[in-house]
Amino acid sequence: MKTVSDKPVRYVLNTHQHEDHAGGNAKFLPVAEVIAHRNARANLAVLKEPALPRITFTDEMSVFLGGKEVRTHHYGRGHTGGDAVIYFPASKVIHTGDLFLTDPPQPFIDYGQGGSALEWTKTLDEILKVDFEAVIPGHGPVSDRQGILKFRANFVTMRDRMSGMIRRGSSKDEVSRTLTTEFGWRPGGLALQQVDAFIAELK
């Protein structure tokens, strides 16, 4: 950040509560305001994180600095129940947090903290209504609108395949194996640990 500006950090906008995205809150709170969706703050409290955001929002709020607006939106559930999308209108750039990923490309549905496979694509549909050109994903290289469209299509393909297997009575092991071999979910990874909840939601 110091290569871009010598100005102090005034606001930190969390995209969700996971440590790799909100783990710096404790370092920033003495000098800046941390802003998060109210559900993300609640999730942080459940996790007993020591530094909770002092400012929360429900649907949308804006921060204005240097004549520029930065908007944070909650469009619905997906990766968690408190996902926020950060929008820079003047630059036509959005930051999706882990609602969109380019590396790794597979989704992690955090059911313990409000995630949903069924609602994820509805949330992406709302994001796609925004006037943007570039996308900063939660992980991986910067992308664009086509990147989100491809991610959404792959998500639907995966979800429909799993729904079909569940309707046919496939076991958890069969579902897990298919997610690993056909959709690249890492064996033993966080995403695969949610298979029981994933199956329950699709049922």
N, C-alpha and C. Protein backbone atom coordinates (compact mmCIF):
# COMPACT_ATOMS: atom_id res chain seq x y z
N MET A 1 0.83 -1.20 0.00
CA MET A 1 0.00 0.00 0.00
C MET A 1 0.86 1.25 0.00
N LYS A 2 2.02 1.18 0.66
CA LYS A 2 2.89 2.35 0.72
C LYS A 2 3.51 2.69 -0.63
N THR A 3 3.48 1.74 -1.57
CA THR A 3 3.97 2.05 -2.91
C THR A 3 2.96 2.87 -3.70
N VAL A 4 1.73 2.95 -3.19
CA VAL A 4 0.66 3.68 -3.87
C VAL A 4 0.39 5.02 -3.21
N SER A 5 0.46 5.04 -1.87
CA SER A 5 0.11 6.27 -1.15
C SER A 5 0.83 6.32 0.19
N ASP A 6 1.15 7.55 0.63
CA ASP A 6 1.71 7.73 1.96
C ASP A 6 0.64 8.13 2.97
N LYS A 7 -0.63 8.11 2.51
CA LYS A 7 -1.74 8.48 3.39
C LYS A 7 -2.05 7.34 4.37
N PRO A 8 -2.56 7.66 5.55
CA PRO A 8 -2.90 6.61 6.51
C PRO A 8 -4.15 5.85 6.08
N VAL A 9 -4.29 4.62 6.56
CA VAL A 9 -5.50 3.83 6.32
C VAL A 9 -6.60 4.38 7.21
N ARG A 10 -7.75 4.70 6.62
CA ARG A 10 -8.87 5.27 7.38
C ARG A 10 -10.00 4.25 7.57
N TYR A 11 -10.25 3.45 6.54
CA TYR A 11 -11.34 2.48 6.58
C TYR A 11 -10.87 1.15 6.03
N VAL A 12 -11.35 0.06 6.62
CA VAL A 12 -11.10 -1.29 6.13
C VAL A 12 -12.47 -1.93 5.90
N LEU A 13 -12.72 -2.38 4.68
CA LEU A 13 -14.00 -3.01 4.36
C LEU A 13 -13.80 -4.52 4.24
N ASN A 14 -14.44 -5.26 5.13
CA ASN A 14 -14.35 -6.73 5.09
C ASN A 14 -15.32 -7.29 4.05
N THR A 15 -14.88 -8.26 3.26
CA THR A 15 -15.79 -8.94 2.34
C THR A 15 -16.53 -10.08 3.04
N HIS A 16 -15.94 -10.65 4.09
CA HIS A 16 -16.58 -11.65 4.93
C HIS A 16 -15.66 -11.92 6.12
N GLN A 17 -16.01 -12.91 6.93
CA GLN A 17 -15.34 -13.04 8.23
C GLN A 17 -14.12 -13.96 8.25
N HIS A 18 -13.82 -14.69 7.18
CA HIS A 18 -12.73 -15.65 7.23
C HIS A 18 -11.39 -14.98 7.51
N GLU A 19 -10.54 -15.71 8.21
CA GLU A 19 -9.30 -15.12 8.72
C GLU A 19 -8.41 -14.56 7.62
N ASP A 20 -8.41 -15.21 6.45
CA ASP A 20 -7.55 -14.72 5.37
C ASP A 20 -8.09 -13.44 4.74
N HIS A 21 -9.28 -13.02 5.15
CA HIS A 21 -9.86 -11.77 4.65
C HIS A 21 -10.10 -10.73 5.75
N ALA A 22 -10.31 -11.21 6.97
CA ALA A 22 -10.61 -10.29 8.07
C ALA A 22 -9.61 -10.43 9.22
N GLY A 23 -8.59 -11.24 9.03
CA GLY A 23 -7.64 -11.50 10.10
C GLY A 23 -6.78 -10.31 10.48
N GLY A 24 -6.77 -9.28 9.65
CA GLY A 24 -5.99 -8.08 9.95
C GLY A 24 -6.76 -7.03 10.73
N ASN A 25 -8.03 -7.32 11.05
CA ASN A 25 -8.85 -6.32 11.74
C ASN A 25 -8.22 -5.83 13.03
N ALA A 26 -7.65 -6.74 13.80
CA ALA A 26 -7.08 -6.36 15.09
C ALA A 26 -5.94 -5.36 14.93
N LYS A 27 -5.19 -5.49 13.83
CA LYS A 27 -4.07 -4.57 13.58
C LYS A 27 -4.57 -3.19 13.14
N PHE A 28 -5.71 -3.18 12.43
CA PHE A 28 -6.19 -1.92 11.88
C PHE A 28 -7.10 -1.13 12.83
N LEU A 29 -7.83 -1.82 13.70
CA LEU A 29 -8.83 -1.13 14.52
C LEU A 29 -8.27 0.02 15.37
N PRO A 30 -7.04 -0.04 15.84
CA PRO A 30 -6.54 1.11 16.61
C PRO A 30 -6.39 2.38 15.77
N VAL A 31 -6.31 2.24 14.44
CA VAL A 31 -6.06 3.41 13.60
C VAL A 31 -7.13 3.65 12.54
N ALA A 32 -8.05 2.70 12.35
CA ALA A 32 -9.02 2.80 11.26
C ALA A 32 -10.36 2.21 11.69
N GLU A 33 -11.41 2.55 10.95
CA GLU A 33 -12.71 1.93 11.17
C GLU A 33 -12.85 0.71 10.26
N VAL A 34 -13.27 -0.40 10.82
CA VAL A 34 -13.51 -1.62 10.05
C VAL A 34 -15.01 -1.73 9.82
N ILE A 35 -15.39 -1.96 8.56
CA ILE A 35 -16.79 -2.03 8.16
C ILE A 35 -17.08 -3.43 7.62
N ALA A 36 -18.20 -4.01 8.05
CA ALA A 36 -18.57 -5.35 7.59
C ALA A 36 -20.09 -5.47 7.58
N HIS A 37 -20.58 -6.46 6.83
CA HIS A 37 -22.01 -6.75 6.89
C HIS A 37 -22.33 -7.23 8.31
N ARG A 38 -23.53 -6.96 8.76
CA ARG A 38 -23.90 -7.30 10.14
C ARG A 38 -23.77 -8.79 10.40
N ASN A 39 -24.04 -9.64 9.39
CA ASN A 39 -23.90 -11.08 9.57
C ASN A 39 -22.43 -11.48 9.68
N ALA A 40 -21.56 -10.78 8.94
CA ALA A 40 -20.13 -11.06 9.04
C ALA A 40 -19.63 -10.73 10.44
N ARG A 41 -20.09 -9.62 11.00
CA ARG A 41 -19.70 -9.27 12.37
C ARG A 41 -20.20 -10.32 13.35
N ALA A 42 -21.45 -10.78 13.16
CA ALA A 42 -22.00 -11.82 14.04
C ALA A 42 -21.17 -13.10 13.93
N ASN A 43 -20.76 -13.44 12.70
CA ASN A 43 -19.93 -14.63 12.51
C ASN A 43 -18.58 -14.47 13.21
N LEU A 44 -18.00 -13.28 13.13
CA LEU A 44 -16.74 -13.03 13.81
C LEU A 44 -16.91 -13.18 15.33
N ALA A 45 -18.05 -12.74 15.84
CA ALA A 45 -18.31 -12.86 17.28
C ALA A 45 -18.43 -14.33 17.68
N VAL A 46 -19.10 -15.13 16.85
CA VAL A 46 -19.23 -16.57 17.12
C VAL A 46 -17.85 -17.23 17.15
N LEU A 47 -16.97 -16.77 16.26
CA LEU A 47 -15.61 -17.31 16.20
C LEU A 47 -14.72 -16.78 17.32
N LYS A 48 -15.29 -15.90 18.15
CA LYS A 48 -14.56 -15.29 19.27
C LYS A 48 -13.31 -14.52 18.81
N GLU A 49 -13.46 -13.86 17.67
CA GLU A 49 -12.37 -13.00 17.19
C GLU A 49 -12.26 -11.78 18.12
N PRO A 50 -11.05 -11.35 18.44
CA PRO A 50 -10.87 -10.30 19.44
C PRO A 50 -11.22 -8.90 18.96
N ALA A 51 -11.24 -8.68 17.66
CA ALA A 51 -11.45 -7.32 17.14
C ALA A 51 -12.65 -7.32 16.20
N LEU A 52 -13.79 -6.85 16.70
CA LEU A 52 -15.01 -6.85 15.91
C LEU A 52 -15.20 -5.48 15.24
N PRO A 53 -15.71 -5.48 13.99
CA PRO A 53 -15.99 -4.20 13.32
C PRO A 53 -16.93 -3.35 14.16
N ARG A 54 -16.67 -2.04 14.16
CA ARG A 54 -17.52 -1.11 14.91
C ARG A 54 -18.66 -0.58 14.06
N ILE A 55 -18.55 -0.74 12.73
CA ILE A 55 -19.59 -0.25 11.81
C ILE A 55 -20.09 -1.42 10.98
N THR A 56 -21.41 -1.58 10.92
CA THR A 56 -22.00 -2.63 10.09
C THR A 56 -23.09 -2.04 9.21
N PHE A 57 -23.50 -2.82 8.21
CA PHE A 57 -24.58 -2.40 7.31
C PHE A 57 -25.43 -3.62 6.99
N THR A 58 -26.60 -3.39 6.42
CA THR A 58 -27.48 -4.49 6.04
C THR A 58 -27.47 -4.75 4.54
N ASP A 59 -27.79 -3.75 3.74
CA ASP A 59 -27.84 -3.93 2.29
C ASP A 59 -26.72 -3.19 1.56
N GLU A 60 -26.49 -1.93 1.92
CA GLU A 60 -25.52 -1.12 1.18
C GLU A 60 -25.08 0.07 2.02
N MET A 61 -23.82 0.47 1.86
CA MET A 61 -23.36 1.73 2.42
C MET A 61 -22.18 2.22 1.60
N SER A 62 -21.84 3.50 1.75
CA SER A 62 -20.75 4.09 0.98
C SER A 62 -19.77 4.81 1.89
N VAL A 63 -18.52 4.84 1.46
CA VAL A 63 -17.47 5.63 2.09
C VAL A 63 -16.95 6.59 1.04
N PHE A 64 -16.80 7.87 1.39
CA PHE A 64 -16.30 8.87 0.46
C PHE A 64 -14.98 9.42 0.98
N LEU A 65 -13.94 9.31 0.17
CA LEU A 65 -12.63 9.84 0.52
C LEU A 65 -11.98 10.42 -0.73
N GLY A 66 -11.42 11.61 -0.61
CA GLY A 66 -10.73 12.22 -1.74
C GLY A 66 -11.63 12.41 -2.95
N GLY A 67 -12.91 12.62 -2.71
CA GLY A 67 -13.85 12.81 -3.82
C GLY A 67 -14.26 11.53 -4.52
N LYS A 68 -13.82 10.39 -4.01
CA LYS A 68 -14.16 9.09 -4.62
C LYS A 68 -15.08 8.30 -3.70
N GLU A 69 -16.03 7.62 -4.32
CA GLU A 69 -16.95 6.77 -3.56
C GLU A 69 -16.50 5.32 -3.63
N VAL A 70 -16.60 4.64 -2.49
CA VAL A 70 -16.42 3.19 -2.42
C VAL A 70 -17.70 2.64 -1.79
N ARG A 71 -18.35 1.74 -2.51
CA ARG A 71 -19.64 1.23 -2.08
C ARG A 71 -19.51 -0.23 -1.67
N THR A 72 -20.13 -0.61 -0.58
CA THR A 72 -20.15 -2.02 -0.18
C THR A 72 -21.59 -2.52 -0.17
N HIS A 73 -21.82 -3.64 -0.84
CA HIS A 73 -23.16 -4.20 -1.01
C HIS A 73 -23.24 -5.60 -0.43
N HIS A 74 -24.40 -5.94 0.08
CA HIS A 74 -24.72 -7.34 0.41
C HIS A 74 -25.85 -7.75 -0.52
N TYR A 75 -25.56 -8.70 -1.42
CA TYR A 75 -26.56 -9.12 -2.40
C TYR A 75 -27.26 -10.42 -2.02
N GLY A 76 -26.79 -11.09 -0.99
CA GLY A 76 -27.41 -12.35 -0.58
C GLY A 76 -26.37 -13.36 -0.14
N ARG A 77 -26.84 -14.54 0.17
CA ARG A 77 -25.98 -15.61 0.67
C ARG A 77 -25.22 -16.28 -0.47
N GLY A 78 -24.15 -16.94 -0.10
CA GLY A 78 -23.35 -17.69 -1.08
C GLY A 78 -22.21 -18.37 -0.37
N HIS A 79 -21.05 -17.76 -0.41
CA HIS A 79 -19.87 -18.28 0.29
C HIS A 79 -20.13 -18.33 1.80
N THR A 80 -20.74 -17.26 2.34
CA THR A 80 -21.17 -17.20 3.74
C THR A 80 -22.52 -16.49 3.77
N GLY A 81 -22.99 -16.20 4.97
CA GLY A 81 -24.24 -15.45 5.09
C GLY A 81 -24.01 -13.95 5.19
N GLY A 82 -22.74 -13.52 5.18
CA GLY A 82 -22.44 -12.10 5.33
C GLY A 82 -21.51 -11.56 4.28
N ASP A 83 -21.61 -12.09 3.07
CA ASP A 83 -20.71 -11.67 1.99
C ASP A 83 -20.98 -10.23 1.56
N ALA A 84 -19.91 -9.48 1.36
CA ALA A 84 -20.02 -8.11 0.85
C ALA A 84 -19.22 -8.00 -0.44
N VAL A 85 -19.78 -7.26 -1.39
CA VAL A 85 -19.11 -6.96 -2.66
C VAL A 85 -18.74 -5.48 -2.62
N ILE A 86 -17.49 -5.18 -2.85
CA ILE A 86 -17.01 -3.80 -2.80
C ILE A 86 -16.95 -3.24 -4.22
N TYR A 87 -17.55 -2.07 -4.42
CA TYR A 87 -17.67 -1.48 -5.75
C TYR A 87 -17.00 -0.11 -5.79
N PHE A 88 -16.14 0.08 -6.79
CA PHE A 88 -15.48 1.35 -7.02
C PHE A 88 -16.08 1.95 -8.31
N PRO A 89 -17.16 2.73 -8.21
CA PRO A 89 -17.90 3.17 -9.39
C PRO A 89 -17.06 3.95 -10.40
N ALA A 90 -16.19 4.83 -9.92
CA ALA A 90 -15.40 5.66 -10.84
C ALA A 90 -14.46 4.83 -11.69
N SER A 91 -13.99 3.71 -11.15
CA SER A 91 -13.05 2.85 -11.88
C SER A 91 -13.74 1.67 -12.54
N LYS A 92 -15.04 1.46 -12.23
CA LYS A 92 -15.79 0.30 -12.72
C LYS A 92 -15.09 -1.01 -12.34
N VAL A 93 -14.72 -1.08 -11.07
CA VAL A 93 -14.05 -2.26 -10.52
C VAL A 93 -14.87 -2.78 -9.35
N ILE A 94 -14.97 -4.10 -9.23
CA ILE A 94 -15.60 -4.70 -8.05
C ILE A 94 -14.62 -5.69 -7.41
N HIS A 95 -14.78 -5.85 -6.12
CA HIS A 95 -14.08 -6.89 -5.37
C HIS A 95 -15.16 -7.81 -4.81
N THR A 96 -15.12 -9.08 -5.19
CA THR A 96 -16.20 -10.02 -4.85
C THR A 96 -15.96 -10.80 -3.58
N GLY A 97 -14.77 -10.67 -2.96
CA GLY A 97 -14.47 -11.63 -1.90
C GLY A 97 -14.51 -13.02 -2.48
N ASP A 98 -14.85 -14.02 -1.68
CA ASP A 98 -14.82 -15.40 -2.14
C ASP A 98 -16.11 -15.86 -2.82
N LEU A 99 -16.98 -14.89 -3.17
CA LEU A 99 -18.14 -15.25 -4.01
C LEU A 99 -17.70 -15.61 -5.42
N PHE A 100 -16.50 -15.16 -5.79
CA PHE A 100 -15.93 -15.47 -7.11
C PHE A 100 -14.44 -15.71 -6.93
N LEU A 101 -13.95 -16.80 -7.51
CA LEU A 101 -12.55 -17.20 -7.38
C LEU A 101 -11.99 -17.56 -8.75
N THR A 102 -10.72 -17.26 -8.95
CA THR A 102 -10.07 -17.71 -10.18
C THR A 102 -8.99 -18.74 -9.90
N ASP A 103 -8.51 -18.82 -8.66
CA ASP A 103 -7.51 -19.83 -8.28
C ASP A 103 -7.51 -19.99 -6.77
N PRO A 104 -8.04 -21.12 -6.26
CA PRO A 104 -8.65 -22.23 -7.00
C PRO A 104 -10.05 -21.85 -7.48
N PRO A 105 -10.54 -22.49 -8.54
CA PRO A 105 -11.84 -22.10 -9.09
C PRO A 105 -13.04 -22.72 -8.38
N GLN A 106 -12.82 -23.71 -7.49
CA GLN A 106 -13.97 -24.35 -6.86
C GLN A 106 -14.48 -23.53 -5.68
N PRO A 107 -15.80 -23.51 -5.46
CA PRO A 107 -16.38 -22.73 -4.37
C PRO A 107 -16.22 -23.44 -3.03
N PHE A 108 -16.16 -22.67 -1.96
CA PHE A 108 -16.23 -23.20 -0.60
C PHE A 108 -17.51 -22.65 0.02
N ILE A 109 -18.46 -23.53 0.28
CA ILE A 109 -19.75 -23.13 0.82
C ILE A 109 -19.67 -23.31 2.33
N ASP A 110 -19.54 -22.22 3.07
CA ASP A 110 -19.39 -22.28 4.52
C ASP A 110 -20.77 -22.34 5.17
N TYR A 111 -21.30 -23.56 5.26
CA TYR A 111 -22.64 -23.74 5.81
C TYR A 111 -22.72 -23.35 7.28
N GLY A 112 -21.63 -23.55 8.02
CA GLY A 112 -21.63 -23.21 9.43
C GLY A 112 -21.85 -21.73 9.69
N GLN A 113 -21.54 -20.90 8.67
CA GLN A 113 -21.69 -19.46 8.83
C GLN A 113 -22.56 -18.85 7.74
N GLY A 114 -23.59 -19.62 7.37
CA GLY A 114 -24.66 -19.06 6.55
C GLY A 114 -24.54 -19.22 5.05
N GLY A 115 -23.56 -20.00 4.55
CA GLY A 115 -23.40 -20.17 3.12
C GLY A 115 -24.53 -20.96 2.49
N SER A 116 -24.68 -20.87 1.18
CA SER A 116 -25.76 -21.57 0.48
C SER A 116 -25.39 -21.83 -0.97
N ALA A 117 -25.47 -23.10 -1.39
CA ALA A 117 -25.23 -23.44 -2.80
C ALA A 117 -26.42 -23.03 -3.66
N LEU A 118 -27.61 -23.09 -3.10
CA LEU A 118 -28.80 -22.75 -3.88
C LEU A 118 -28.91 -21.25 -4.12
N GLU A 119 -28.49 -20.45 -3.15
CA GLU A 119 -28.62 -18.99 -3.29
C GLU A 119 -27.40 -18.34 -3.93
N TRP A 120 -26.28 -19.07 -4.00
CA TRP A 120 -25.04 -18.49 -4.50
C TRP A 120 -25.23 -17.89 -5.90
N THR A 121 -25.86 -18.63 -6.80
CA THR A 121 -26.00 -18.13 -8.17
C THR A 121 -26.96 -16.93 -8.23
N LYS A 122 -27.95 -16.88 -7.35
CA LYS A 122 -28.83 -15.71 -7.31
C LYS A 122 -28.04 -14.47 -6.90
N THR A 123 -27.11 -14.66 -5.98
CA THR A 123 -26.26 -13.55 -5.55
C THR A 123 -25.36 -13.11 -6.70
N LEU A 124 -24.80 -14.06 -7.44
CA LEU A 124 -23.98 -13.72 -8.60
C LEU A 124 -24.80 -12.96 -9.64
N ASP A 125 -26.06 -13.35 -9.81
CA ASP A 125 -26.92 -12.65 -10.77
C ASP A 125 -27.09 -11.18 -10.40
N GLU A 126 -27.20 -10.91 -9.11
CA GLU A 126 -27.30 -9.51 -8.66
C GLU A 126 -26.01 -8.76 -8.92
N ILE A 127 -24.89 -9.41 -8.69
CA ILE A 127 -23.58 -8.79 -8.94
C ILE A 127 -23.45 -8.43 -10.42
N LEU A 128 -23.93 -9.32 -11.30
CA LEU A 128 -23.79 -9.10 -12.74
C LEU A 128 -24.63 -7.93 -13.24
N LYS A 129 -25.53 -7.41 -12.42
CA LYS A 129 -26.31 -6.23 -12.80
C LYS A 129 -25.52 -4.93 -12.60
N VAL A 130 -24.38 -5.03 -11.90
CA VAL A 130 -23.57 -3.85 -11.61
C VAL A 130 -22.77 -3.45 -12.84
N ASP A 131 -22.54 -2.16 -13.02
CA ASP A 131 -21.76 -1.65 -14.16
C ASP A 131 -20.27 -1.71 -13.81
N PHE A 132 -19.63 -2.83 -14.14
CA PHE A 132 -18.21 -3.01 -13.85
C PHE A 132 -17.50 -3.59 -15.06
N GLU A 133 -16.19 -3.44 -15.08
CA GLU A 133 -15.36 -3.99 -16.15
C GLU A 133 -14.31 -4.97 -15.62
N ALA A 134 -13.73 -4.65 -14.47
CA ALA A 134 -12.70 -5.51 -13.89
C ALA A 134 -13.18 -6.07 -12.56
N VAL A 135 -12.71 -7.28 -12.23
CA VAL A 135 -13.13 -7.97 -11.02
C VAL A 135 -11.89 -8.43 -10.24
N ILE A 136 -11.84 -8.05 -8.97
CA ILE A 136 -10.84 -8.59 -8.06
C ILE A 136 -11.50 -9.76 -7.34
N PRO A 137 -11.05 -10.99 -7.60
CA PRO A 137 -11.67 -12.14 -6.93
C PRO A 137 -11.12 -12.31 -5.52
N GLY A 138 -11.74 -13.20 -4.77
CA GLY A 138 -11.25 -13.48 -3.43
C GLY A 138 -9.87 -14.12 -3.44
N HIS A 139 -9.60 -14.91 -4.47
CA HIS A 139 -8.29 -15.56 -4.65
C HIS A 139 -8.04 -15.69 -6.14
N GLY A 140 -6.81 -15.45 -6.55
CA GLY A 140 -6.44 -15.63 -7.95
C GLY A 140 -6.33 -14.32 -8.71
N PRO A 141 -5.94 -14.42 -9.99
CA PRO A 141 -5.71 -13.23 -10.81
C PRO A 141 -6.98 -12.41 -11.04
N VAL A 142 -6.78 -11.12 -11.31
CA VAL A 142 -7.89 -10.22 -11.65
C VAL A 142 -8.59 -10.74 -12.90
N SER A 143 -9.91 -10.57 -12.95
CA SER A 143 -10.70 -11.11 -14.05
C SER A 143 -11.66 -10.04 -14.57
N ASP A 144 -12.73 -10.50 -15.22
CA ASP A 144 -13.72 -9.59 -15.80
C ASP A 144 -15.10 -10.22 -15.75
N ARG A 145 -16.08 -9.57 -16.39
CA ARG A 145 -17.45 -10.07 -16.38
C ARG A 145 -17.55 -11.50 -16.92
N GLN A 146 -16.81 -11.78 -18.00
CA GLN A 146 -16.84 -13.13 -18.57
C GLN A 146 -16.34 -14.17 -17.58
N GLY A 147 -15.39 -13.77 -16.74
CA GLY A 147 -14.88 -14.68 -15.73
C GLY A 147 -15.96 -15.08 -14.74
N ILE A 148 -16.77 -14.11 -14.30
CA ILE A 148 -17.87 -14.43 -13.39
C ILE A 148 -18.91 -15.30 -14.08
N LEU A 149 -19.22 -14.99 -15.34
CA LEU A 149 -20.19 -15.79 -16.08
C LEU A 149 -19.74 -17.24 -16.21
N LYS A 150 -18.46 -17.43 -16.48
CA LYS A 150 -17.92 -18.80 -16.58
C LYS A 150 -17.98 -19.50 -15.23
N PHE A 151 -17.60 -18.80 -14.17
CA PHE A 151 -17.65 -19.36 -12.82
C PHE A 151 -19.08 -19.77 -12.48
N ARG A 152 -20.05 -18.90 -12.81
CA ARG A 152 -21.45 -19.21 -12.53
C ARG A 152 -21.90 -20.45 -13.29
N ALA A 153 -21.55 -20.53 -14.57
CA ALA A 153 -21.95 -21.67 -15.39
C ALA A 153 -21.35 -22.97 -14.83
N ASN A 154 -20.10 -22.92 -14.42
CA ASN A 154 -19.47 -24.10 -13.85
C ASN A 154 -20.13 -24.50 -12.53
N PHE A 155 -20.52 -23.49 -11.76
CA PHE A 155 -21.19 -23.75 -10.48
C PHE A 155 -22.52 -24.47 -10.73
N VAL A 156 -23.28 -23.98 -11.71
CA VAL A 156 -24.58 -24.60 -12.01
C VAL A 156 -24.38 -26.03 -12.51
N THR A 157 -23.39 -26.25 -13.36
CA THR A 157 -23.10 -27.60 -13.85
C THR A 157 -22.80 -28.53 -12.69
N MET A 158 -21.96 -28.08 -11.76
CA MET A 158 -21.60 -28.89 -10.60
C MET A 158 -22.83 -29.16 -9.74
N ARG A 159 -23.60 -28.12 -9.46
CA ARG A 159 -24.75 -28.27 -8.57
C ARG A 159 -25.81 -29.20 -9.18
N ASP A 160 -26.05 -29.06 -10.50
CA ASP A 160 -27.03 -29.92 -11.16
C ASP A 160 -26.57 -31.37 -11.17
N ARG A 161 -25.28 -31.57 -11.38
CA ARG A 161 -24.73 -32.94 -11.37
C ARG A 161 -24.90 -33.57 -9.99
N MET A 162 -24.61 -32.80 -8.94
CA MET A 162 -24.76 -33.32 -7.59
C MET A 162 -26.22 -33.58 -7.25
N SER A 163 -27.11 -32.69 -7.68
CA SER A 163 -28.55 -32.88 -7.43
C SER A 163 -29.04 -34.17 -8.06
N GLY A 164 -28.58 -34.43 -9.29
CA GLY A 164 -28.97 -35.67 -9.98
C GLY A 164 -28.47 -36.90 -9.24
N MET A 165 -27.23 -36.85 -8.77
CA MET A 165 -26.67 -37.99 -8.03
C MET A 165 -27.44 -38.22 -6.74
N ILE A 166 -27.79 -37.15 -6.05
CA ILE A 166 -28.50 -37.28 -4.78
C ILE A 166 -29.90 -37.85 -5.01
N ARG A 167 -30.56 -37.40 -6.08
CA ARG A 167 -31.90 -37.94 -6.40
C ARG A 167 -31.82 -39.43 -6.70
N ARG A 168 -30.70 -39.88 -7.26
CA ARG A 168 -30.54 -41.31 -7.57
C ARG A 168 -30.04 -42.11 -6.39
N GLY A 169 -29.86 -41.45 -5.25
CA GLY A 169 -29.47 -42.16 -4.05
C GLY A 169 -27.98 -42.40 -3.90
N SER A 170 -27.16 -41.63 -4.57
CA SER A 170 -25.70 -41.80 -4.46
C SER A 170 -25.25 -41.52 -3.02
N SER A 171 -24.21 -42.24 -2.62
CA SER A 171 -23.69 -42.09 -1.26
C SER A 171 -22.83 -40.84 -1.14
N LYS A 172 -22.52 -40.47 0.11
CA LYS A 172 -21.62 -39.35 0.36
C LYS A 172 -20.27 -39.58 -0.29
N ASP A 173 -19.77 -40.81 -0.20
CA ASP A 173 -18.47 -41.13 -0.81
C ASP A 173 -18.50 -40.93 -2.32
N GLU A 174 -19.60 -41.34 -2.95
CA GLU A 174 -19.71 -41.18 -4.41
C GLU A 174 -19.76 -39.70 -4.78
N VAL A 175 -20.51 -38.93 -4.01
CA VAL A 175 -20.60 -37.49 -4.26
C VAL A 175 -19.23 -36.85 -4.09
N SER A 176 -18.55 -37.18 -2.99
CA SER A 176 -17.23 -36.61 -2.71
C SER A 176 -16.23 -36.97 -3.80
N ARG A 177 -16.28 -38.21 -4.25
CA ARG A 177 -15.34 -38.66 -5.28
C ARG A 177 -15.58 -37.91 -6.59
N THR A 178 -16.85 -37.69 -6.94
CA THR A 178 -17.18 -36.97 -8.17
C THR A 178 -16.73 -35.52 -8.09
N LEU A 179 -16.95 -34.89 -6.92
CA LEU A 179 -16.50 -33.51 -6.74
C LEU A 179 -14.99 -33.40 -6.90
N THR A 180 -14.28 -34.42 -6.45
CA THR A 180 -12.81 -34.42 -6.54
C THR A 180 -12.32 -34.68 -7.96
N THR A 181 -12.86 -35.72 -8.59
CA THR A 181 -12.34 -36.13 -9.90
C THR A 181 -12.86 -35.29 -11.06
N GLU A 182 -14.12 -34.85 -10.97
CA GLU A 182 -14.71 -34.11 -12.09
C GLU A 182 -14.69 -32.60 -11.93
N PHE A 183 -14.66 -32.15 -10.68
CA PHE A 183 -14.78 -30.70 -10.46
C PHE A 183 -13.60 -30.10 -9.71
N GLY A 184 -12.58 -30.90 -9.46
CA GLY A 184 -11.32 -30.39 -8.93
C GLY A 184 -11.31 -30.00 -7.47
N TRP A 185 -12.29 -30.47 -6.68
CA TRP A 185 -12.28 -30.17 -5.26
C TRP A 185 -11.14 -30.93 -4.61
N ARG A 186 -10.35 -30.24 -3.80
CA ARG A 186 -9.15 -30.84 -3.23
C ARG A 186 -9.52 -31.86 -2.14
N PRO A 187 -9.00 -33.09 -2.24
CA PRO A 187 -9.27 -34.10 -1.21
C PRO A 187 -8.85 -33.59 0.17
N GLY A 188 -9.76 -33.70 1.13
CA GLY A 188 -9.45 -33.25 2.48
C GLY A 188 -9.55 -31.75 2.68
N GLY A 189 -9.86 -30.99 1.62
CA GLY A 189 -9.93 -29.54 1.71
C GLY A 189 -11.19 -29.05 2.41
N LEU A 190 -11.22 -27.74 2.69
CA LEU A 190 -12.36 -27.16 3.39
C LEU A 190 -13.67 -27.36 2.64
N ALA A 191 -13.63 -27.22 1.31
CA ALA A 191 -14.86 -27.36 0.52
C ALA A 191 -15.45 -28.75 0.67
N LEU A 192 -14.60 -29.76 0.58
CA LEU A 192 -15.06 -31.14 0.64
C LEU A 192 -15.57 -31.51 2.03
N GLN A 193 -15.12 -30.79 3.05
CA GLN A 193 -15.58 -31.06 4.41
C GLN A 193 -17.04 -30.65 4.61
N GLN A 194 -17.60 -29.94 3.64
CA GLN A 194 -18.99 -29.47 3.74
C GLN A 194 -19.97 -30.37 2.99
N VAL A 195 -19.52 -31.54 2.56
CA VAL A 195 -20.36 -32.39 1.70
C VAL A 195 -21.66 -32.79 2.38
N ASP A 196 -21.63 -33.13 3.67
CA ASP A 196 -22.87 -33.51 4.36
C ASP A 196 -23.90 -32.38 4.29
N ALA A 197 -23.46 -31.17 4.58
CA ALA A 197 -24.38 -30.02 4.55
C ALA A 197 -24.81 -29.72 3.12
N PHE A 198 -23.91 -29.89 2.17
CA PHE A 198 -24.21 -29.67 0.76
C PHE A 198 -25.32 -30.62 0.31
N ILE A 199 -25.17 -31.89 0.64
CA ILE A 199 -26.18 -32.89 0.29
C ILE A 199 -27.51 -32.55 0.94
N ALA A 200 -27.48 -32.15 2.22
CA ALA A 200 -28.72 -31.83 2.93
C ALA A 200 -29.44 -30.65 2.27
N GLU A 201 -28.69 -29.63 1.84
CA GLU A 201 -29.33 -28.48 1.21
C GLU A 201 -29.94 -28.87 -0.13
N LEU A 202 -29.22 -29.66 -0.92
CA LEU A 202 -29.74 -30.03 -2.24
C LEU A 202 -30.95 -30.95 -2.14
N LYS A 203 -31.01 -31.72 -1.06
CA LYS A 203 -32.20 -32.56 -0.85
C LYS A 203 -33.45 -31.70 -0.63
